[in-house]
Protein backbone atom coordinates (compact mmCIF):
# COMPACT_ATOMS: atom_id res chain seq x y z
CA ALA A 1 -17.01 -34.45 -62.61
CA ARG A 2 -18.83 -36.93 -60.36
CA SER A 3 -17.73 -40.52 -60.81
CA THR A 4 -20.34 -42.84 -62.28
CA GLU A 5 -18.44 -45.97 -61.28
CA ILE A 6 -20.73 -48.68 -59.90
CA HIS A 7 -19.27 -50.37 -56.84
CA PRO A 8 -19.87 -54.05 -56.07
CA LYS A 9 -22.02 -54.65 -53.01
CA ASP A 10 -19.00 -55.63 -50.90
CA HIS A 11 -17.02 -52.51 -51.83
CA PRO A 12 -15.85 -50.54 -48.76
CA GLN A 13 -17.80 -47.51 -49.92
CA ASN A 14 -21.07 -49.45 -49.96
CA LEU A 15 -20.32 -50.91 -46.53
CA LYS A 16 -19.64 -47.41 -45.19
CA THR A 17 -22.87 -46.15 -46.74
CA SER A 18 -24.88 -48.87 -44.97
CA VAL A 19 -23.47 -47.75 -41.61
CA THR A 20 -24.13 -44.09 -42.40
CA LEU A 21 -27.75 -44.83 -43.30
CA ALA A 22 -28.38 -46.53 -39.95
CA SER A 23 -26.82 -43.58 -38.10
CA LEU A 24 -28.84 -40.98 -40.01
CA LEU A 25 -32.12 -42.81 -39.38
CA ALA A 26 -31.29 -42.96 -35.66
CA GLU A 27 -30.50 -39.23 -35.58
CA CYS A 28 -33.89 -38.55 -37.18
CA GLY A 29 -35.65 -40.59 -34.49
CA ARG A 30 -36.74 -43.31 -36.89
CA MET A 31 -35.53 -46.00 -34.55
CA SER A 32 -37.27 -49.08 -35.95
CA GLU A 33 -35.92 -48.26 -39.41
CA ALA A 34 -32.51 -47.55 -37.91
CA GLU A 35 -32.48 -50.96 -36.20
CA GLU A 36 -33.40 -52.68 -39.44
CA ALA A 37 -30.71 -50.74 -41.33
CA HIS A 38 -28.16 -51.61 -38.62
CA LEU A 39 -28.98 -55.31 -38.90
CA LYS A 40 -28.64 -55.16 -42.69
CA SER A 41 -25.31 -53.39 -42.32
CA ILE A 42 -24.07 -56.15 -40.00
CA GLU A 43 -25.17 -58.75 -42.54
CA LYS A 44 -23.35 -56.94 -45.37
CA HIS A 45 -20.16 -56.78 -43.32
CA GLU A 46 -20.45 -60.47 -42.41
CA ASN A 47 -20.82 -61.43 -46.07
CA ALA A 48 -18.07 -59.14 -47.31
CA LEU A 49 -15.50 -59.30 -44.50
CA GLY A 50 -16.45 -62.24 -42.30
CA PHE A 51 -18.14 -62.69 -38.95
CA ASN A 52 -14.85 -62.32 -37.09
CA ASP A 53 -13.75 -59.08 -38.77
CA PRO A 54 -13.24 -56.28 -36.20
CA SER A 55 -15.61 -53.89 -38.01
CA THR A 56 -18.33 -56.57 -38.11
CA GLN A 57 -17.92 -57.20 -34.39
CA GLU A 58 -17.93 -53.47 -33.66
CA LEU A 59 -21.26 -53.06 -35.44
CA THR A 60 -22.73 -56.04 -33.58
CA TYR A 61 -21.56 -54.77 -30.19
CA GLY A 62 -22.93 -51.35 -31.09
CA LEU A 63 -26.41 -52.73 -31.74
CA VAL A 64 -26.25 -54.80 -28.53
CA GLU A 65 -25.36 -51.65 -26.60
CA TYR A 66 -28.27 -49.77 -28.21
CA TYR A 67 -30.70 -52.56 -27.26
CA THR A 68 -29.35 -52.61 -23.69
CA GLN A 69 -29.60 -48.85 -23.22
CA ASN A 70 -33.20 -48.88 -24.47
CA ASP A 71 -34.42 -51.73 -22.24
CA LYS A 72 -34.50 -54.21 -25.11
CA THR A 73 -32.59 -56.92 -23.27
CA HIS A 74 -34.50 -59.70 -25.01
CA GLU A 75 -33.41 -58.39 -28.41
CA ALA A 76 -29.81 -57.99 -27.19
CA GLU A 77 -29.69 -61.55 -25.89
CA LYS A 78 -31.33 -62.93 -29.04
CA LEU A 79 -28.79 -61.18 -31.28
CA LEU A 80 -25.83 -62.37 -29.20
CA ARG A 81 -27.07 -65.98 -29.10
CA GLU A 82 -27.54 -65.90 -32.87
CA LYS A 83 -24.00 -64.59 -33.45
CA ILE A 84 -22.51 -67.08 -30.99
CA TYR A 85 -24.17 -69.98 -32.82
CA GLN A 86 -23.10 -68.71 -36.25
CA CYS A 87 -19.51 -68.09 -35.17
CA GLU A 88 -19.24 -71.45 -33.40
CA GLN A 89 -20.24 -73.17 -36.64
CA LEU A 90 -17.64 -71.22 -38.60
CA TYR A 91 -14.70 -70.93 -36.20
CA GLY A 92 -15.23 -73.35 -33.31
CA THR A 93 -16.43 -73.00 -29.74
CA THR A 94 -13.25 -71.40 -28.37
CA ALA A 95 -12.62 -68.85 -31.12
CA THR A 96 -11.80 -65.33 -29.98
CA VAL A 97 -14.96 -63.89 -31.57
CA VAL A 98 -17.11 -66.54 -29.85
CA LEU A 99 -15.60 -65.86 -26.43
CA GLY A 100 -16.14 -62.12 -26.88
CA TYR A 101 -19.82 -62.56 -27.66
CA LEU A 102 -20.20 -65.09 -24.82
CA GLU A 103 -18.76 -62.57 -22.37
CA ASP A 104 -21.15 -59.88 -23.60
CA LEU A 105 -24.06 -62.31 -23.27
CA ALA A 106 -22.97 -63.16 -19.71
CA ILE A 107 -23.00 -59.44 -18.83
CA SER A 108 -26.45 -59.01 -20.41
CA LEU A 109 -27.82 -62.02 -18.51
CA TRP A 110 -26.36 -60.69 -15.26
CA ASN A 111 -28.05 -57.34 -15.80
CA SER A 112 -31.39 -59.05 -16.40
CA GLY A 113 -31.09 -61.19 -13.26
CA GLN A 114 -30.26 -64.52 -14.93
CA LEU A 115 -27.34 -65.13 -12.60
CA GLU A 116 -26.92 -68.90 -12.93
CA GLU A 117 -26.44 -68.89 -16.71
CA SER A 118 -24.38 -65.71 -16.48
CA GLU A 119 -21.95 -67.35 -14.06
CA SER A 120 -21.77 -70.46 -16.24
CA LEU A 121 -20.81 -68.38 -19.28
CA PHE A 122 -18.23 -66.31 -17.38
CA CYS A 123 -16.64 -69.57 -16.16
CA ARG A 124 -16.63 -71.02 -19.68
CA VAL A 125 -14.94 -67.94 -21.10
CA LEU A 126 -12.37 -67.82 -18.29
CA LEU A 127 -11.49 -71.51 -18.67
CA SER A 128 -11.08 -71.18 -22.45
CA ARG A 129 -8.88 -68.09 -22.15
CA ARG A 130 -6.73 -69.67 -19.45
CA ARG A 131 -6.05 -72.65 -21.69
CA ALA A 132 -5.50 -70.68 -24.88
CA LEU A 133 -3.81 -67.52 -23.61
CA GLY A 134 -2.44 -68.30 -20.17
CA VAL A 135 -3.26 -66.95 -16.72
CA GLU A 136 -1.50 -63.62 -17.17
CA HIS A 137 -2.94 -62.57 -20.53
CA GLU A 138 -4.92 -59.31 -20.46
CA ASP A 139 -8.09 -61.00 -21.75
CA THR A 140 -7.82 -63.75 -19.12
CA LEU A 141 -7.35 -61.18 -16.36
CA ARG A 142 -10.42 -59.31 -17.59
CA SER A 143 -12.46 -62.53 -17.49
CA MET A 144 -11.28 -63.19 -13.92
CA SER A 145 -12.31 -59.68 -12.94
CA ASN A 146 -15.79 -60.05 -14.49
CA LEU A 147 -16.38 -63.33 -12.65
CA ALA A 148 -15.07 -61.80 -9.42
CA VAL A 149 -17.58 -58.94 -9.70
CA LEU A 150 -20.45 -61.40 -10.17
CA LEU A 151 -19.35 -63.47 -7.17
CA GLU A 152 -18.92 -60.38 -5.00
CA ARG A 153 -22.37 -59.09 -5.85
CA SER A 154 -23.76 -62.54 -5.06
CA ASP A 155 -22.17 -62.27 -1.55
CA ARG A 156 -19.69 -65.07 -2.29
CA MET A 157 -16.87 -62.98 -0.91
CA GLU A 158 -14.16 -65.59 -0.35
CA GLU A 159 -14.47 -66.88 -3.92
CA ALA A 160 -14.45 -63.34 -5.23
CA LEU A 161 -11.41 -62.44 -3.14
CA LYS A 162 -9.33 -65.28 -4.57
CA LEU A 163 -10.01 -64.02 -8.08
CA TYR A 164 -9.41 -60.37 -7.20
CA GLN A 165 -6.07 -61.35 -5.64
CA GLN A 166 -5.09 -63.23 -8.81
CA VAL A 167 -6.12 -60.28 -10.97
CA GLN A 168 -4.15 -57.82 -8.85
CA ALA A 169 -1.05 -60.05 -8.90
CA GLY A 170 -1.43 -60.61 -12.64
CA THR A 171 -1.85 -56.97 -13.57
CA SER A 172 1.08 -56.00 -11.34
CA LYS A 173 3.31 -58.49 -13.15
CA VAL A 174 2.08 -57.78 -16.68
CA PHE A 175 1.62 -54.00 -16.57
CA GLY A 176 3.67 -52.86 -13.58
CA LEU A 177 2.72 -51.54 -10.16
CA VAL A 178 1.66 -48.05 -11.26
CA HIS A 179 -0.26 -48.91 -14.44
CA PRO A 180 -3.95 -47.82 -14.39
CA LYS A 181 -5.11 -51.44 -14.79
CA THR A 182 -3.08 -52.43 -11.73
CA LEU A 183 -4.35 -49.49 -9.71
CA GLU A 184 -7.93 -50.34 -10.69
CA SER A 185 -7.50 -54.00 -9.73
CA THR A 186 -5.98 -52.94 -6.39
CA LEU A 187 -9.00 -50.73 -5.72
CA ALA A 188 -11.38 -53.62 -6.47
CA LEU A 189 -9.41 -55.90 -4.13
CA GLY A 190 -9.47 -53.35 -1.32
CA VAL A 191 -13.21 -52.78 -1.62
CA CYS A 192 -13.90 -56.53 -1.60
CA LEU A 193 -11.69 -57.04 1.46
CA ALA A 194 -13.68 -54.35 3.26
CA GLU A 195 -17.01 -55.87 2.25
CA ALA A 196 -15.79 -59.28 3.43
CA GLY A 197 -15.06 -57.82 6.90
CA ARG A 198 -11.28 -58.12 6.60
CA SER A 199 -10.84 -54.56 7.75
CA ASN A 200 -7.12 -54.53 8.59
CA GLU A 201 -6.15 -55.98 5.22
CA ALA A 202 -8.56 -53.65 3.45
CA GLU A 203 -7.18 -50.59 5.19
CA ALA A 204 -3.59 -51.56 4.34
CA VAL A 205 -4.49 -52.03 0.66
CA MET A 206 -6.55 -48.83 0.43
CA GLN A 207 -3.98 -46.69 2.27
CA GLY A 208 -1.22 -47.98 0.01
CA LEU A 209 -3.32 -47.28 -3.07
CA TYR A 210 -4.25 -43.80 -1.83
CA SER A 211 -0.58 -42.97 -1.33
CA GLU A 212 0.25 -44.27 -4.80
CA LEU A 213 -2.52 -42.22 -6.42
CA GLU A 214 -1.18 -39.12 -4.67
CA ALA A 215 2.36 -39.96 -5.82
CA GLN A 216 1.07 -40.32 -9.38
CA SER A 217 -0.52 -36.83 -9.12
CA PHE A 218 -4.09 -38.01 -9.52
CA SER A 219 -6.53 -35.16 -9.04
CA PRO A 220 -8.05 -34.91 -5.52
CA ASP A 221 -11.50 -35.26 -7.09
CA HIS A 222 -10.60 -38.24 -9.28
CA GLU A 223 -13.15 -41.00 -8.71
CA TRP A 224 -10.53 -43.56 -7.64
CA VAL A 225 -9.12 -41.13 -5.09
CA LEU A 226 -12.59 -40.44 -3.71
CA LEU A 227 -13.45 -44.14 -3.55
CA CYS A 228 -10.25 -44.72 -1.55
CA ILE A 229 -11.07 -41.87 0.79
CA ASP A 230 -14.66 -43.03 1.30
CA LYS A 231 -13.55 -46.57 2.09
CA LEU A 232 -10.80 -45.37 4.45
CA GLY A 233 -13.40 -43.25 6.23
CA GLU A 234 -15.73 -46.22 6.62
CA LEU A 235 -12.90 -48.38 7.95
CA ALA A 236 -11.81 -45.71 10.43
CA LYS A 237 -15.41 -45.37 11.63
CA LEU A 238 -15.61 -49.15 12.16
CA ARG A 239 -12.68 -49.00 14.58
CA ASP A 240 -14.19 -45.91 16.28
CA ASP A 241 -11.52 -43.53 15.04
CA LEU A 242 -14.05 -40.77 14.45
CA PRO A 243 -11.57 -37.90 13.93
CA ARG A 244 -9.85 -39.89 11.16
CA ALA A 245 -13.21 -40.85 9.66
CA GLU A 246 -14.32 -37.20 9.76
CA GLU A 247 -11.12 -36.14 7.98
CA MET A 248 -11.74 -38.64 5.17
CA PHE A 249 -15.46 -37.93 4.82
CA ARG A 250 -14.89 -34.17 4.86
CA HIS A 251 -12.31 -34.50 2.07
CA SER A 252 -14.77 -36.56 0.02
CA PHE A 253 -17.66 -34.16 0.60
CA GLN A 254 -15.67 -31.04 -0.24
CA ALA A 255 -14.24 -32.63 -3.39
CA ARG A 256 -17.66 -33.70 -4.63
CA LEU A 257 -19.15 -30.28 -3.95
CA THR A 258 -16.70 -28.80 -6.46
CA GLN A 259 -16.48 -31.79 -8.80
CA LYS A 260 -17.74 -31.21 -12.34
CA ASP A 261 -20.71 -33.39 -13.27
CA CYS A 262 -20.85 -34.95 -9.81
CA GLN A 263 -23.74 -37.40 -9.54
CA ASP A 264 -26.35 -36.42 -6.97
CA ALA A 265 -26.25 -39.88 -5.39
CA GLU A 266 -22.49 -39.64 -4.81
CA LEU A 267 -22.80 -36.14 -3.34
CA ALA A 268 -25.62 -37.32 -1.08
CA ASN A 269 -23.61 -40.30 0.19
CA SER A 270 -20.63 -38.07 0.98
CA ALA A 271 -22.79 -35.53 2.78
CA TYR A 272 -24.59 -38.24 4.73
CA ASN A 273 -21.39 -40.02 5.80
CA LEU A 274 -19.90 -36.78 7.06
CA ALA A 275 -23.15 -35.81 8.81
CA VAL A 276 -23.34 -39.11 10.70
CA CYS A 277 -19.70 -38.84 11.76
CA LEU A 278 -20.19 -35.28 12.98
CA ALA A 279 -23.37 -36.16 14.87
CA GLN A 280 -21.65 -39.04 16.64
CA GLN A 281 -19.10 -36.50 17.92
CA GLY A 282 -21.81 -34.13 19.12
CA GLN A 283 -21.28 -31.57 16.35
CA ASP A 284 -25.00 -31.28 15.68
CA ALA A 285 -25.11 -27.87 13.99
CA GLU A 286 -22.70 -28.87 11.24
CA ALA A 287 -24.29 -32.33 11.07
CA GLU A 288 -27.64 -30.64 10.47
CA ALA A 289 -26.26 -28.70 7.49
CA CYS A 290 -24.79 -31.88 5.98
CA PHE A 291 -27.99 -33.85 6.54
CA ARG A 292 -29.90 -31.08 4.73
CA LYS A 293 -27.50 -31.35 1.81
CA ALA A 294 -27.96 -35.14 1.81
CA VAL A 295 -31.75 -34.82 1.80
CA GLU A 296 -31.62 -32.40 -1.13
CA ALA A 297 -29.26 -34.57 -3.17
CA TYR A 298 -31.04 -37.86 -2.39
CA THR A 299 -34.34 -36.27 -3.38
CA ARG A 300 -32.90 -35.17 -6.74
CA ALA A 301 -31.31 -38.56 -7.30
CA PHE A 302 -34.05 -40.94 -6.15
CA GLY A 303 -37.16 -38.98 -5.24
CA PRO A 304 -38.71 -37.78 -1.96
CA GLU A 305 -39.85 -41.17 -0.68
CA ASP A 306 -36.85 -43.32 -1.50
CA PRO A 307 -35.47 -45.19 1.57
CA TYR A 308 -32.21 -43.22 1.42
CA THR A 309 -34.09 -39.92 1.36
CA LEU A 310 -36.37 -40.93 4.21
CA ASP A 311 -33.44 -42.12 6.32
CA ALA A 312 -31.66 -38.79 5.80
CA ILE A 313 -34.84 -36.91 6.74
CA PHE A 314 -35.17 -38.95 9.92
CA ASN A 315 -31.57 -38.31 10.96
CA LEU A 316 -31.93 -34.61 10.15
CA ALA A 317 -34.84 -34.61 12.58
CA VAL A 318 -32.62 -36.25 15.22
CA ALA A 319 -29.96 -33.55 14.75
CA LEU A 320 -32.61 -30.83 15.12
CA GLU A 321 -34.09 -32.46 18.22
CA ASP A 322 -30.62 -32.57 19.78
CA GLN A 323 -30.50 -28.79 19.31
CA ASP A 324 -33.98 -28.34 20.84
CA GLU A 325 -35.47 -27.42 17.45
CA ARG A 326 -38.45 -29.57 18.29
CA ALA A 327 -41.06 -27.98 16.04
CA GLU A 328 -39.15 -28.63 12.81
CA ALA A 329 -37.90 -31.96 14.13
CA GLU A 330 -41.47 -33.14 14.72
CA LYS A 331 -42.49 -32.17 11.17
CA LEU A 332 -39.58 -34.11 9.74
CA TYR A 333 -40.20 -37.15 11.93
CA LYS A 334 -43.78 -37.14 10.66
CA ALA A 335 -42.66 -36.72 7.05
CA ALA A 336 -40.29 -39.68 7.41
CA ALA A 337 -42.96 -41.81 9.11
CA ASP A 338 -45.63 -40.95 6.53
CA GLY A 339 -43.21 -41.64 3.70
CA ARG A 340 -42.33 -45.05 5.09
CA ALA A 341 -45.99 -45.85 5.65
CA ARG A 342 -46.79 -45.07 2.01
CA THR A 343 -43.73 -46.86 0.67
CA PHE A 344 -43.36 -49.84 3.00
CA GLY A 345 -46.55 -49.98 5.02
CA ASP A 346 -44.71 -49.51 8.32
CA VAL A 347 -44.36 -46.52 10.62
CA LEU A 348 -41.29 -44.98 12.25
CA GLN A 349 -41.51 -43.96 15.90
CA THR A 350 -41.96 -40.20 15.89
CA PHE A 351 -39.55 -39.51 18.73
CA GLY A 352 -37.07 -41.59 20.65
CA LYS A 353 -34.19 -41.57 18.17
CA LEU A 354 -34.51 -45.26 17.24
CA ASN A 355 -32.12 -44.89 14.30
CA LYS A 356 -29.95 -42.15 15.66
CA HIS A 357 -26.92 -41.74 13.40
CA SER A 358 -26.91 -45.42 12.50
């Protein structure tokens, strides 16, 4: 027989029901009602279990993620600021729950272009975690990494590098040299070194990481492996070692051709890098095929008049002109010039190879 017991409002079954209702409304496409139900569910959990209970936080982060994915950044930021204020009143300004919400707010602000406040919040969280947890705690290392990413993307490379180096040293000590967190931090350090123009250091880091990934039997099409290969190819190209660059870019391109769920943008970049390398060595026929693949993939990823697509079209025309395929080359030069004129208001020179394999 069905139980007729009436549960108090803070009973786990009632809390579970509130979450289920929000999920069902979302599945039915009734999003405004689902949002309202989700907010009520958060409130019930706060009242029954506390603002700092893991299930309460999980629900809050879930709604923030929904807002973010649906271009409701204002709502996401408003919710986070509200929860930060409430939790500060209850638990203090350096409580774990407060720092978690502050970090999420910093990420949201970064994504919406509010870089100054984002950096300020990342620094606040990092300072609090250093004092409370120590430099080598996992949460502190994560905060360092987040701030390093912001600094790197703001072209403050030397500041970013110092943090990446601390993160890599910290993860190596805490987790060991072959732990995924250490490998990931090593990859981030190598990429930043390359972007900062410290090519020799970058190549040493990336080559060491590539060897370690191979030793750990990472799949040849694993994203970390491919990122290593791409960066090693770029570094080889910078020092004019085109055969080595070709080897790396060819590996990347072939792996992405067979990779499940490969993003078109990644495939296009691999094809383009290989095409440029081949063209610079006079291998125009194969370069042409790779440029065609790049044009196709860039078009799917970004559209026919995106700058990446237009650049690939232009360089495809160069490869065709080098093979005396002037009729098709002229059509493509014109398509690239017309596309730039519509998009940017400027015009590419039809012939003359101004951007040849650049």
